[in-house]
Protein backbone atom coordinates (compact mmCIF):
# COMPACT_ATOMS: atom_id res chain seq x y z
CA UNK A 1 0.00 0.00 0.00
CA UNK A 2 2.88 2.27 0.79
CA UNK A 3 4.43 1.58 -2.62
CA UNK A 4 1.15 2.41 -4.35
CA UNK A 5 0.85 5.71 -2.48
CA UNK A 6 4.36 6.71 -3.57
CA UNK A 7 3.48 5.94 -7.18
CA UNK A 8 0.33 8.03 -6.89
CA UNK A 9 2.31 10.99 -5.51
CA UNK A 10 4.87 10.71 -8.31
CA UNK A 11 2.09 10.55 -10.90
CA UNK A 12 0.41 13.60 -9.41
CA UNK A 13 3.70 15.55 -9.52
CA UNK A 14 4.22 14.67 -13.18
CA UNK A 15 0.68 15.72 -14.01
CA UNK A 16 1.28 19.08 -12.28
CA UNK A 17 4.53 19.52 -14.23
CA UNK A 18 2.74 18.80 -17.50
CA UNK A 19 0.01 21.28 -16.60
CA UNK A 20 2.68 23.89 -15.87
CA UNK A 21 4.33 23.22 -19.22
CA UNK A 22 0.97 23.59 -20.95
CA UNK A 23 0.43 26.97 -19.26
CA UNK A 24 3.92 28.09 -20.26
CA UNK A 25 3.37 26.97 -23.84
CA UNK A 26 0.10 28.89 -23.92
CA UNK A 27 1.77 32.08 -22.70
CA UNK A 28 4.57 31.72 -25.27
CA UNK A 29 2.01 31.22 -28.03
CA UNK A 30 0.22 34.42 -27.02
CA UNK A 31 3.48 36.37 -26.96
CA UNK A 32 4.54 35.09 -30.37
CA UNK A 33 1.15 35.87 -31.87
CA UNK A 34 1.38 39.53 -30.85
CA UNK A 35 2.92 42.08 -33.22
CA UNK A 36 6.50 42.86 -32.30
CA UNK A 37 6.98 46.45 -31.08
CA UNK A 38 8.85 48.75 -33.48
CA UNK A 39 11.96 50.38 -32.02
CA UNK A 40 12.00 54.15 -31.69
CA UNK A 41 14.08 55.67 -34.50
CA UNK A 42 15.37 58.39 -32.18
CA UNK A 43 16.40 55.95 -29.45
CA UNK A 44 20.09 55.94 -30.35
CA UNK A 45 20.34 59.71 -30.47
CA UNK A 46 18.56 60.10 -27.13
CA UNK A 47 20.81 57.51 -25.50
CA UNK A 48 23.94 59.21 -26.85
CA UNK A 49 22.69 62.58 -25.60
CA UNK A 50 22.49 61.17 -22.06
CA UNK A 51 26.14 60.11 -22.05
CA UNK A 52 28.39 62.70 -20.35
CA UNK A 53 31.19 62.02 -22.84
CA UNK A 54 28.85 62.64 -25.76
CA UNK A 55 28.27 66.19 -24.52
CA UNK A 56 31.73 67.03 -23.18
CA UNK A 57 34.43 65.48 -25.37
CA UNK A 58 35.02 65.73 -29.10
CA UNK A 59 35.28 61.98 -29.57
CA UNK A 60 31.88 61.49 -27.94
CA UNK A 61 30.28 64.11 -30.14
CA UNK A 62 31.87 62.56 -33.20
CA UNK A 63 30.60 59.13 -32.21
CA UNK A 64 27.14 60.56 -31.67
CA UNK A 65 27.28 62.12 -35.13
CA UNK A 66 28.23 58.76 -36.66
CA UNK A 67 25.28 57.06 -34.94
CA UNK A 68 22.96 59.85 -36.04
CA UNK A 69 24.26 59.50 -39.61
CA UNK A 70 23.27 55.84 -39.82
CA UNK A 71 20.02 56.39 -37.92
CA UNK A 72 18.77 59.27 -40.04
CA UNK A 73 17.13 59.39 -43.44
CA UNK A 74 17.92 63.11 -43.66
CA UNK A 75 21.60 63.45 -42.90
CA UNK A 76 21.80 67.18 -43.48
CA UNK A 77 19.04 67.96 -41.01
CA UNK A 78 20.87 66.00 -38.33
CA UNK A 79 24.12 67.81 -39.05
CA UNK A 80 22.48 71.13 -38.21
CA UNK A 81 19.91 69.94 -35.67
CA UNK A 82 21.75 71.60 -32.77
CA UNK A 83 21.76 74.99 -34.49
CA UNK A 84 18.60 76.81 -33.47
CA UNK A 85 19.75 80.28 -32.41
CA UNK A 86 20.82 83.31 -34.41
CA UNK A 87 24.09 83.47 -32.45
CA UNK A 88 25.01 80.01 -33.73
CA UNK A 89 24.16 81.06 -37.29
CA UNK A 90 26.25 84.19 -36.82
CA UNK A 91 29.30 82.20 -35.76
CA UNK A 92 29.03 79.91 -38.78
CA UNK A 93 28.71 82.83 -41.21
CA UNK A 94 31.67 84.60 -39.60
CA UNK A 95 33.80 81.48 -39.98
CA UNK A 96 32.71 81.16 -43.62
CA UNK A 97 33.67 84.79 -44.21
CA UNK A 98 37.13 84.38 -42.68
CA UNK A 99 37.64 81.20 -44.69
CA UNK A 100 36.94 82.98 -47.97
CA UNK A 101 39.24 85.88 -47.08
CA UNK A 102 42.09 83.47 -46.36
CA UNK A 103 41.20 81.53 -49.49
CA UNK A 104 41.43 84.72 -51.54
CA UNK A 105 44.88 85.48 -50.11
CA UNK A 106 46.06 81.98 -51.00
CA UNK A 107 44.80 82.30 -54.58
CA UNK A 108 46.40 85.72 -54.95
CA UNK A 109 49.73 84.39 -53.70
CA UNK A 110 49.51 81.42 -56.04
CA UNK A 111 48.76 83.59 -59.08
CA UNK A 112 51.78 85.80 -58.38
CA UNK A 113 54.08 82.77 -58.40
CA UNK A 114 52.95 81.04 -61.58
CA UNK A 115 55.85 79.82 -63.80
CA UNK A 116 54.80 82.21 -66.58
CA UNK A 117 53.57 85.75 -66.88
CA UNK A 118 50.22 86.28 -65.14
CA UNK A 119 49.13 88.41 -68.08
CA UNK A 120 48.86 85.21 -70.10
CA UNK A 121 45.99 84.04 -67.90
CA UNK A 122 42.41 85.08 -68.75
CA UNK A 123 41.12 88.10 -66.89
CA UNK A 124 38.36 86.07 -65.24
CA UNK A 125 40.91 83.75 -63.67
CA UNK A 126 42.79 86.76 -62.32
CA UNK A 127 39.52 87.90 -60.71
CA UNK A 128 39.31 84.81 -58.47
CA UNK A 129 40.93 86.49 -55.43
CA UNK A 130 38.54 89.45 -55.76
CA UNK A 131 35.53 87.13 -55.96
CA UNK A 132 36.72 85.28 -52.86
CA UNK A 133 37.10 88.62 -51.04
CA UNK A 134 33.58 89.65 -52.07
CA UNK A 135 32.14 86.37 -50.78
CA UNK A 136 34.12 86.70 -47.55
CA UNK A 137 32.94 90.26 -46.93
CA UNK A 138 29.34 89.24 -47.66
CA UNK A 139 29.46 86.37 -45.18
CA UNK A 140 31.13 88.54 -42.55
CA UNK A 141 28.46 91.20 -42.99
CA UNK A 142 25.72 88.57 -42.68
CA UNK A 143 27.37 87.19 -39.55
CA UNK A 144 27.58 90.63 -37.95
CA UNK A 145 23.94 91.37 -38.79
CA UNK A 146 22.86 88.05 -37.31
CA UNK A 147 24.83 88.84 -34.17
CA UNK A 148 23.36 92.34 -33.82
CA UNK A 149 19.81 91.94 -35.12
CA UNK A 150 19.11 88.28 -34.43
CA UNK A 151 16.17 86.74 -36.34
CA UNK A 152 15.48 90.04 -38.12
CA UNK A 153 18.65 89.45 -40.18
CA UNK A 154 17.62 86.03 -41.49
CA UNK A 155 16.31 87.49 -44.73
CA UNK A 156 19.57 89.35 -45.41
CA UNK A 157 21.58 86.20 -44.70
CA UNK A 158 19.36 84.25 -47.09
CA UNK A 159 19.98 86.81 -49.83
CA UNK A 160 23.74 86.57 -49.26
CA UNK A 161 23.60 82.77 -49.43
CA UNK A 162 21.56 82.73 -52.64
CA UNK A 163 23.88 85.32 -54.20
CA UNK A 164 26.86 83.15 -53.24
CA UNK A 165 25.33 80.07 -54.87
CA UNK A 166 24.64 82.07 -58.03
CA UNK A 167 28.20 83.41 -58.00
CA UNK A 168 29.60 79.88 -57.69
CA UNK A 169 27.67 78.67 -60.75
CA UNK A 170 28.45 81.75 -62.86
CA UNK A 171 32.11 81.66 -61.85
CA UNK A 172 32.52 78.00 -62.79
CA UNK A 173 30.80 78.54 -66.14
CA UNK A 174 32.97 81.57 -66.90
CA UNK A 175 36.19 79.73 -66.06
CA UNK A 176 35.30 76.84 -68.34
CA UNK A 177 34.40 79.31 -71.08
CA UNK A 178 37.70 81.21 -70.90
CA UNK A 179 40.18 78.40 -70.25
CA UNK A 180 41.13 76.00 -73.00
CA UNK A 181 43.24 73.75 -70.77
CA UNK A 182 41.75 70.33 -70.06
CA UNK A 183 43.50 70.19 -66.67
CA UNK A 184 41.34 73.12 -65.52
CA UNK A 185 38.21 70.98 -65.83
CA UNK A 186 38.91 68.99 -62.66
CA UNK A 187 39.95 72.11 -60.75
CA UNK A 188 36.78 73.93 -61.83
CA UNK A 189 34.58 70.99 -60.87
CA UNK A 190 36.24 70.90 -57.45
CA UNK A 191 35.80 74.66 -57.05
CA UNK A 192 32.13 74.60 -58.01
CA UNK A 193 31.44 71.47 -55.96
CA UNK A 194 32.98 72.86 -52.79
CA UNK A 195 31.18 76.17 -53.26
CA UNK A 196 27.83 74.45 -53.69
CA UNK A 197 28.42 72.36 -50.57
CA UNK A 198 29.25 75.47 -48.54
CA UNK A 199 26.24 77.37 -49.89
CA UNK A 200 23.80 74.52 -49.33
CA UNK A 201 25.11 73.95 -45.82
CA UNK A 202 24.67 77.63 -44.96
CA UNK A 203 21.18 77.49 -46.43
CA UNK A 204 20.34 74.49 -44.25
CA UNK A 205 21.71 76.34 -41.22
CA UNK A 206 19.46 79.31 -41.93
CA UNK A 207 16.41 77.11 -42.38
CA UNK A 208 17.13 75.39 -39.08
CA UNK A 209 17.58 78.73 -37.31
CA UNK A 210 14.34 80.01 -38.81
CA UNK A 211 12.44 76.93 -37.61
CA UNK A 212 13.99 77.29 -34.16
CA UNK A 213 12.96 80.95 -34.00
CA UNK A 214 9.36 80.11 -34.89
CA UNK A 215 9.16 77.36 -32.28
CA UNK A 216 10.70 79.53 -29.54
C-alpha atoms as a PDB file:
ATOM      1  CA  UNK A   1       0.000   0.000   0.000  1.00  0.00           C
ATOM      2  CA  UNK A   2       2.885   2.274   0.790  1.00  0.00           C
ATOM      3  CA  UNK A   3       4.431   1.583  -2.620  1.00  0.00           C
ATOM      4  CA  UNK A   4       1.147   2.414  -4.347  1.00  0.00           C
ATOM      5  CA  UNK A   5       0.854   5.711  -2.477  1.00  0.00           C
ATOM      6  CA  UNK A   6       4.358   6.708  -3.568  1.00  0.00           C
ATOM      7  CA  UNK A   7       3.476   5.942  -7.182  1.00  0.00           C
ATOM      8  CA  UNK A   8       0.331   8.032  -6.886  1.00  0.00           C
ATOM      9  CA  UNK A   9       2.306  10.986  -5.506  1.00  0.00           C
ATOM     10  CA  UNK A  10       4.865  10.705  -8.307  1.00  0.00           C
ATOM     11  CA  UNK A  11       2.094  10.551 -10.901  1.00  0.00           C
ATOM     12  CA  UNK A  12       0.412  13.603  -9.415  1.00  0.00           C
ATOM     13  CA  UNK A  13       3.705  15.548  -9.524  1.00  0.00           C
ATOM     14  CA  UNK A  14       4.221  14.668 -13.177  1.00  0.00           C
ATOM     15  CA  UNK A  15       0.679  15.718 -14.006  1.00  0.00           C
ATOM     16  CA  UNK A  16       1.277  19.076 -12.283  1.00  0.00           C
ATOM     17  CA  UNK A  17       4.527  19.519 -14.231  1.00  0.00           C
ATOM     18  CA  UNK A  18       2.741  18.802 -17.501  1.00  0.00           C
ATOM     19  CA  UNK A  19       0.011  21.279 -16.603  1.00  0.00           C
ATOM     20  CA  UNK A  20       2.683  23.886 -15.866  1.00  0.00           C
ATOM     21  CA  UNK A  21       4.325  23.222 -19.224  1.00  0.00           C
ATOM     22  CA  UNK A  22       0.967  23.593 -20.953  1.00  0.00           C
ATOM     23  CA  UNK A  23       0.427  26.967 -19.261  1.00  0.00           C
ATOM     24  CA  UNK A  24       3.923  28.093 -20.260  1.00  0.00           C
ATOM     25  CA  UNK A  25       3.370  26.970 -23.844  1.00  0.00           C
ATOM     26  CA  UNK A  26       0.103  28.889 -23.925  1.00  0.00           C
ATOM     27  CA  UNK A  27       1.768  32.079 -22.700  1.00  0.00           C
ATOM     28  CA  UNK A  28       4.572  31.719 -25.268  1.00  0.00           C
ATOM     29  CA  UNK A  29       2.014  31.220 -28.034  1.00  0.00           C
ATOM     30  CA  UNK A  30       0.224  34.417 -27.017  1.00  0.00           C
ATOM     31  CA  UNK A  31       3.485  36.368 -26.961  1.00  0.00           C
ATOM     32  CA  UNK A  32       4.542  35.085 -30.368  1.00  0.00           C
ATOM     33  CA  UNK A  33       1.148  35.868 -31.868  1.00  0.00           C
ATOM     34  CA  UNK A  34       1.383  39.525 -30.850  1.00  0.00           C
ATOM     35  CA  UNK A  35       2.918  42.080 -33.221  1.00  0.00           C
ATOM     36  CA  UNK A  36       6.503  42.856 -32.301  1.00  0.00           C
ATOM     37  CA  UNK A  37       6.980  46.453 -31.077  1.00  0.00           C
ATOM     38  CA  UNK A  38       8.853  48.748 -33.479  1.00  0.00           C
ATOM     39  CA  UNK A  39      11.957  50.382 -32.023  1.00  0.00           C
ATOM     40  CA  UNK A  40      11.996  54.148 -31.692  1.00  0.00           C
ATOM     41  CA  UNK A  41      14.081  55.673 -34.501  1.00  0.00           C
ATOM     42  CA  UNK A  42      15.371  58.389 -32.183  1.00  0.00           C
ATOM     43  CA  UNK A  43      16.399  55.953 -29.448  1.00  0.00           C
ATOM     44  CA  UNK A  44      20.094  55.936 -30.347  1.00  0.00           C
ATOM     45  CA  UNK A  45      20.343  59.706 -30.472  1.00  0.00           C
ATOM     46  CA  UNK A  46      18.560  60.105 -27.130  1.00  0.00           C
ATOM     47  CA  UNK A  47      20.812  57.506 -25.504  1.00  0.00           C
ATOM     48  CA  UNK A  48      23.937  59.214 -26.853  1.00  0.00           C
ATOM     49  CA  UNK A  49      22.694  62.577 -25.597  1.00  0.00           C
ATOM     50  CA  UNK A  50      22.486  61.175 -22.058  1.00  0.00           C
ATOM     51  CA  UNK A  51      26.143  60.108 -22.048  1.00  0.00           C
ATOM     52  CA  UNK A  52      28.393  62.705 -20.354  1.00  0.00           C
ATOM     53  CA  UNK A  53      31.193  62.024 -22.843  1.00  0.00           C
ATOM     54  CA  UNK A  54      28.845  62.643 -25.762  1.00  0.00           C
ATOM     55  CA  UNK A  55      28.275  66.185 -24.517  1.00  0.00           C
ATOM     56  CA  UNK A  56      31.731  67.034 -23.175  1.00  0.00           C
ATOM     57  CA  UNK A  57      34.429  65.480 -25.374  1.00  0.00           C
ATOM     58  CA  UNK A  58      35.018  65.733 -29.099  1.00  0.00           C
ATOM     59  CA  UNK A  59      35.279  61.980 -29.569  1.00  0.00           C
ATOM     60  CA  UNK A  60      31.883  61.491 -27.937  1.00  0.00           C
ATOM     61  CA  UNK A  61      30.277  64.112 -30.136  1.00  0.00           C
ATOM     62  CA  UNK A  62      31.874  62.557 -33.200  1.00  0.00           C
ATOM     63  CA  UNK A  63      30.601  59.125 -32.206  1.00  0.00           C
ATOM     64  CA  UNK A  64      27.140  60.556 -31.674  1.00  0.00           C
ATOM     65  CA  UNK A  65      27.277  62.116 -35.134  1.00  0.00           C
ATOM     66  CA  UNK A  66      28.226  58.762 -36.658  1.00  0.00           C
ATOM     67  CA  UNK A  67      25.279  57.063 -34.943  1.00  0.00           C
ATOM     68  CA  UNK A  68      22.959  59.847 -36.040  1.00  0.00           C
ATOM     69  CA  UNK A  69      24.259  59.496 -39.610  1.00  0.00           C
ATOM     70  CA  UNK A  70      23.273  55.844 -39.819  1.00  0.00           C
ATOM     71  CA  UNK A  71      20.017  56.388 -37.923  1.00  0.00           C
ATOM     72  CA  UNK A  72      18.770  59.273 -40.041  1.00  0.00           C
ATOM     73  CA  UNK A  73      17.134  59.392 -43.444  1.00  0.00           C
ATOM     74  CA  UNK A  74      17.923  63.112 -43.663  1.00  0.00           C
ATOM     75  CA  UNK A  75      21.596  63.451 -42.899  1.00  0.00           C
ATOM     76  CA  UNK A  76      21.803  67.183 -43.480  1.00  0.00           C
ATOM     77  CA  UNK A  77      19.036  67.964 -41.009  1.00  0.00           C
ATOM     78  CA  UNK A  78      20.868  66.004 -38.328  1.00  0.00           C
ATOM     79  CA  UNK A  79      24.116  67.809 -39.050  1.00  0.00           C
ATOM     80  CA  UNK A  80      22.484  71.125 -38.206  1.00  0.00           C
ATOM     81  CA  UNK A  81      19.907  69.944 -35.668  1.00  0.00           C
ATOM     82  CA  UNK A  82      21.748  71.598 -32.772  1.00  0.00           C
ATOM     83  CA  UNK A  83      21.761  74.990 -34.491  1.00  0.00           C
ATOM     84  CA  UNK A  84      18.599  76.813 -33.467  1.00  0.00           C
ATOM     85  CA  UNK A  85      19.753  80.278 -32.405  1.00  0.00           C
ATOM     86  CA  UNK A  86      20.823  83.306 -34.409  1.00  0.00           C
ATOM     87  CA  UNK A  87      24.089  83.470 -32.445  1.00  0.00           C
ATOM     88  CA  UNK A  88      25.015  80.007 -33.728  1.00  0.00           C
ATOM     89  CA  UNK A  89      24.164  81.061 -37.290  1.00  0.00           C
ATOM     90  CA  UNK A  90      26.246  84.194 -36.818  1.00  0.00           C
ATOM     91  CA  UNK A  91      29.304  82.203 -35.758  1.00  0.00           C
ATOM     92  CA  UNK A  92      29.033  79.912 -38.778  1.00  0.00           C
ATOM     93  CA  UNK A  93      28.714  82.832 -41.207  1.00  0.00           C
ATOM     94  CA  UNK A  94      31.666  84.603 -39.596  1.00  0.00           C
ATOM     95  CA  UNK A  95      33.796  81.476 -39.977  1.00  0.00           C
ATOM     96  CA  UNK A  96      32.712  81.163 -43.619  1.00  0.00           C
ATOM     97  CA  UNK A  97      33.672  84.792 -44.212  1.00  0.00           C
ATOM     98  CA  UNK A  98      37.128  84.383 -42.682  1.00  0.00           C
ATOM     99  CA  UNK A  99      37.643  81.201 -44.686  1.00  0.00           C
ATOM    100  CA  UNK A 100      36.944  82.978 -47.973  1.00  0.00           C
ATOM    101  CA  UNK A 101      39.236  85.880 -47.084  1.00  0.00           C
ATOM    102  CA  UNK A 102      42.091  83.472 -46.365  1.00  0.00           C
ATOM    103  CA  UNK A 103      41.197  81.527 -49.494  1.00  0.00           C
ATOM    104  CA  UNK A 104      41.433  84.719 -51.543  1.00  0.00           C
ATOM    105  CA  UNK A 105      44.879  85.477 -50.112  1.00  0.00           C
ATOM    106  CA  UNK A 106      46.056  81.975 -51.001  1.00  0.00           C
ATOM    107  CA  UNK A 107      44.801  82.298 -54.581  1.00  0.00           C
ATOM    108  CA  UNK A 108      46.403  85.720 -54.948  1.00  0.00           C
ATOM    109  CA  UNK A 109      49.733  84.395 -53.703  1.00  0.00           C
ATOM    110  CA  UNK A 110      49.511  81.425 -56.044  1.00  0.00           C
ATOM    111  CA  UNK A 111      48.762  83.590 -59.080  1.00  0.00           C
ATOM    112  CA  UNK A 112      51.776  85.795 -58.384  1.00  0.00           C
ATOM    113  CA  UNK A 113      54.081  82.768 -58.399  1.00  0.00           C
ATOM    114  CA  UNK A 114      52.954  81.036 -61.583  1.00  0.00           C
ATOM    115  CA  UNK A 115      55.851  79.822 -63.797  1.00  0.00           C
ATOM    116  CA  UNK A 116      54.797  82.209 -66.581  1.00  0.00           C
ATOM    117  CA  UNK A 117      53.568  85.749 -66.883  1.00  0.00           C
ATOM    118  CA  UNK A 118      50.216  86.279 -65.136  1.00  0.00           C
ATOM    119  CA  UNK A 119      49.129  88.411 -68.080  1.00  0.00           C
ATOM    120  CA  UNK A 120      48.862  85.209 -70.099  1.00  0.00           C
ATOM    121  CA  UNK A 121      45.988  84.043 -67.903  1.00  0.00           C
ATOM    122  CA  UNK A 122      42.414  85.076 -68.755  1.00  0.00           C
ATOM    123  CA  UNK A 123      41.116  88.103 -66.891  1.00  0.00           C
ATOM    124  CA  UNK A 124      38.363  86.068 -65.242  1.00  0.00           C
ATOM    125  CA  UNK A 125      40.909  83.746 -63.669  1.00  0.00           C
ATOM    126  CA  UNK A 126      42.792  86.756 -62.317  1.00  0.00           C
ATOM    127  CA  UNK A 127      39.523  87.899 -60.705  1.00  0.00           C
ATOM    128  CA  UNK A 128      39.310  84.813 -58.470  1.00  0.00           C
ATOM    129  CA  UNK A 129      40.925  86.493 -55.427  1.00  0.00           C
ATOM    130  CA  UNK A 130      38.535  89.450 -55.757  1.00  0.00           C
ATOM    131  CA  UNK A 131      35.527  87.134 -55.964  1.00  0.00           C
ATOM    132  CA  UNK A 132      36.717  85.284 -52.861  1.00  0.00           C
ATOM    133  CA  UNK A 133      37.101  88.620 -51.040  1.00  0.00           C
ATOM    134  CA  UNK A 134      33.578  89.651 -52.067  1.00  0.00           C
ATOM    135  CA  UNK A 135      32.137  86.373 -50.780  1.00  0.00           C
ATOM    136  CA  UNK A 136      34.116  86.700 -47.555  1.00  0.00           C
ATOM    137  CA  UNK A 137      32.936  90.259 -46.928  1.00  0.00           C
ATOM    138  CA  UNK A 138      29.343  89.237 -47.663  1.00  0.00           C
ATOM    139  CA  UNK A 139      29.459  86.370 -45.181  1.00  0.00           C
ATOM    140  CA  UNK A 140      31.135  88.541 -42.550  1.00  0.00           C
ATOM    141  CA  UNK A 141      28.456  91.202 -42.994  1.00  0.00           C
ATOM    142  CA  UNK A 142      25.716  88.572 -42.683  1.00  0.00           C
ATOM    143  CA  UNK A 143      27.374  87.194 -39.550  1.00  0.00           C
ATOM    144  CA  UNK A 144      27.581  90.628 -37.950  1.00  0.00           C
ATOM    145  CA  UNK A 145      23.938  91.369 -38.790  1.00  0.00           C
ATOM    146  CA  UNK A 146      22.857  88.045 -37.309  1.00  0.00           C
ATOM    147  CA  UNK A 147      24.831  88.843 -34.171  1.00  0.00           C
ATOM    148  CA  UNK A 148      23.363  92.338 -33.817  1.00  0.00           C
ATOM    149  CA  UNK A 149      19.810  91.941 -35.117  1.00  0.00           C
ATOM    150  CA  UNK A 150      19.106  88.278 -34.432  1.00  0.00           C
ATOM    151  CA  UNK A 151      16.171  86.736 -36.340  1.00  0.00           C
ATOM    152  CA  UNK A 152      15.483  90.037 -38.120  1.00  0.00           C
ATOM    153  CA  UNK A 153      18.650  89.454 -40.180  1.00  0.00           C
ATOM    154  CA  UNK A 154      17.624  86.026 -41.488  1.00  0.00           C
ATOM    155  CA  UNK A 155      16.312  87.494 -44.731  1.00  0.00           C
ATOM    156  CA  UNK A 156      19.568  89.355 -45.412  1.00  0.00           C
ATOM    157  CA  UNK A 157      21.580  86.203 -44.702  1.00  0.00           C
ATOM    158  CA  UNK A 158      19.364  84.248 -47.088  1.00  0.00           C
ATOM    159  CA  UNK A 159      19.980  86.810 -49.827  1.00  0.00           C
ATOM    160  CA  UNK A 160      23.742  86.571 -49.258  1.00  0.00           C
ATOM    161  CA  UNK A 161      23.597  82.772 -49.428  1.00  0.00           C
ATOM    162  CA  UNK A 162      21.558  82.734 -52.638  1.00  0.00           C
ATOM    163  CA  UNK A 163      23.877  85.323 -54.200  1.00  0.00           C
ATOM    164  CA  UNK A 164      26.855  83.153 -53.243  1.00  0.00           C
ATOM    165  CA  UNK A 165      25.326  80.068 -54.874  1.00  0.00           C
ATOM    166  CA  UNK A 166      24.642  82.070 -58.031  1.00  0.00           C
ATOM    167  CA  UNK A 167      28.201  83.409 -57.996  1.00  0.00           C
ATOM    168  CA  UNK A 168      29.598  79.879 -57.695  1.00  0.00           C
ATOM    169  CA  UNK A 169      27.671  78.669 -60.748  1.00  0.00           C
ATOM    170  CA  UNK A 170      28.455  81.752 -62.861  1.00  0.00           C
ATOM    171  CA  UNK A 171      32.107  81.657 -61.849  1.00  0.00           C
ATOM    172  CA  UNK A 172      32.518  78.003 -62.795  1.00  0.00           C
ATOM    173  CA  UNK A 173      30.797  78.541 -66.140  1.00  0.00           C
ATOM    174  CA  UNK A 174      32.975  81.574 -66.903  1.00  0.00           C
ATOM    175  CA  UNK A 175      36.194  79.727 -66.059  1.00  0.00           C
ATOM    176  CA  UNK A 176      35.296  76.837 -68.344  1.00  0.00           C
ATOM    177  CA  UNK A 177      34.404  79.312 -71.080  1.00  0.00           C
ATOM    178  CA  UNK A 178      37.702  81.209 -70.904  1.00  0.00           C
ATOM    179  CA  UNK A 179      40.178  78.400 -70.251  1.00  0.00           C
ATOM    180  CA  UNK A 180      41.125  75.998 -72.998  1.00  0.00           C
ATOM    181  CA  UNK A 181      43.235  73.753 -70.770  1.00  0.00           C
ATOM    182  CA  UNK A 182      41.755  70.328 -70.056  1.00  0.00           C
ATOM    183  CA  UNK A 183      43.496  70.191 -66.674  1.00  0.00           C
ATOM    184  CA  UNK A 184      41.340  73.119 -65.518  1.00  0.00           C
ATOM    185  CA  UNK A 185      38.209  70.983 -65.831  1.00  0.00           C
ATOM    186  CA  UNK A 186      38.909  68.992 -62.663  1.00  0.00           C
ATOM    187  CA  UNK A 187      39.948  72.112 -60.754  1.00  0.00           C
ATOM    188  CA  UNK A 188      36.781  73.926 -61.830  1.00  0.00           C
ATOM    189  CA  UNK A 189      34.576  70.992 -60.871  1.00  0.00           C
ATOM    190  CA  UNK A 190      36.244  70.897 -57.448  1.00  0.00           C
ATOM    191  CA  UNK A 191      35.800  74.657 -57.050  1.00  0.00           C
ATOM    192  CA  UNK A 192      32.127  74.603 -58.009  1.00  0.00           C
ATOM    193  CA  UNK A 193      31.435  71.471 -55.958  1.00  0.00           C
ATOM    194  CA  UNK A 194      32.984  72.856 -52.787  1.00  0.00           C
ATOM    195  CA  UNK A 195      31.181  76.166 -53.262  1.00  0.00           C
ATOM    196  CA  UNK A 196      27.830  74.448 -53.687  1.00  0.00           C
ATOM    197  CA  UNK A 197      28.416  72.358 -50.570  1.00  0.00           C
ATOM    198  CA  UNK A 198      29.246  75.474 -48.536  1.00  0.00           C
ATOM    199  CA  UNK A 199      26.243  77.371 -49.886  1.00  0.00           C
ATOM    200  CA  UNK A 200      23.803  74.517 -49.333  1.00  0.00           C
ATOM    201  CA  UNK A 201      25.115  73.948 -45.821  1.00  0.00           C
ATOM    202  CA  UNK A 202      24.668  77.628 -44.956  1.00  0.00           C
ATOM    203  CA  UNK A 203      21.180  77.495 -46.427  1.00  0.00           C
ATOM    204  CA  UNK A 204      20.335  74.492 -44.246  1.00  0.00           C
ATOM    205  CA  UNK A 205      21.708  76.339 -41.217  1.00  0.00           C
ATOM    206  CA  UNK A 206      19.464  79.313 -41.932  1.00  0.00           C
ATOM    207  CA  UNK A 207      16.406  77.109 -42.380  1.00  0.00           C
ATOM    208  CA  UNK A 208      17.126  75.393 -39.076  1.00  0.00           C
ATOM    209  CA  UNK A 209      17.576  78.726 -37.311  1.00  0.00           C
ATOM    210  CA  UNK A 210      14.341  80.014 -38.811  1.00  0.00           C
ATOM    211  CA  UNK A 211      12.441  76.935 -37.607  1.00  0.00           C
ATOM    212  CA  UNK A 212      13.985  77.294 -34.159  1.00  0.00           C
ATOM    213  CA  UNK A 213      12.964  80.947 -34.005  1.00  0.00           C
ATOM    214  CA  UNK A 214       9.359  80.106 -34.893  1.00  0.00           C
ATOM    215  CA  UNK A 215       9.156  77.360 -32.280  1.00  0.00           C
ATOM    216  CA  UNK A 216      10.704  79.532 -29.543  1.00  0.00           C
END
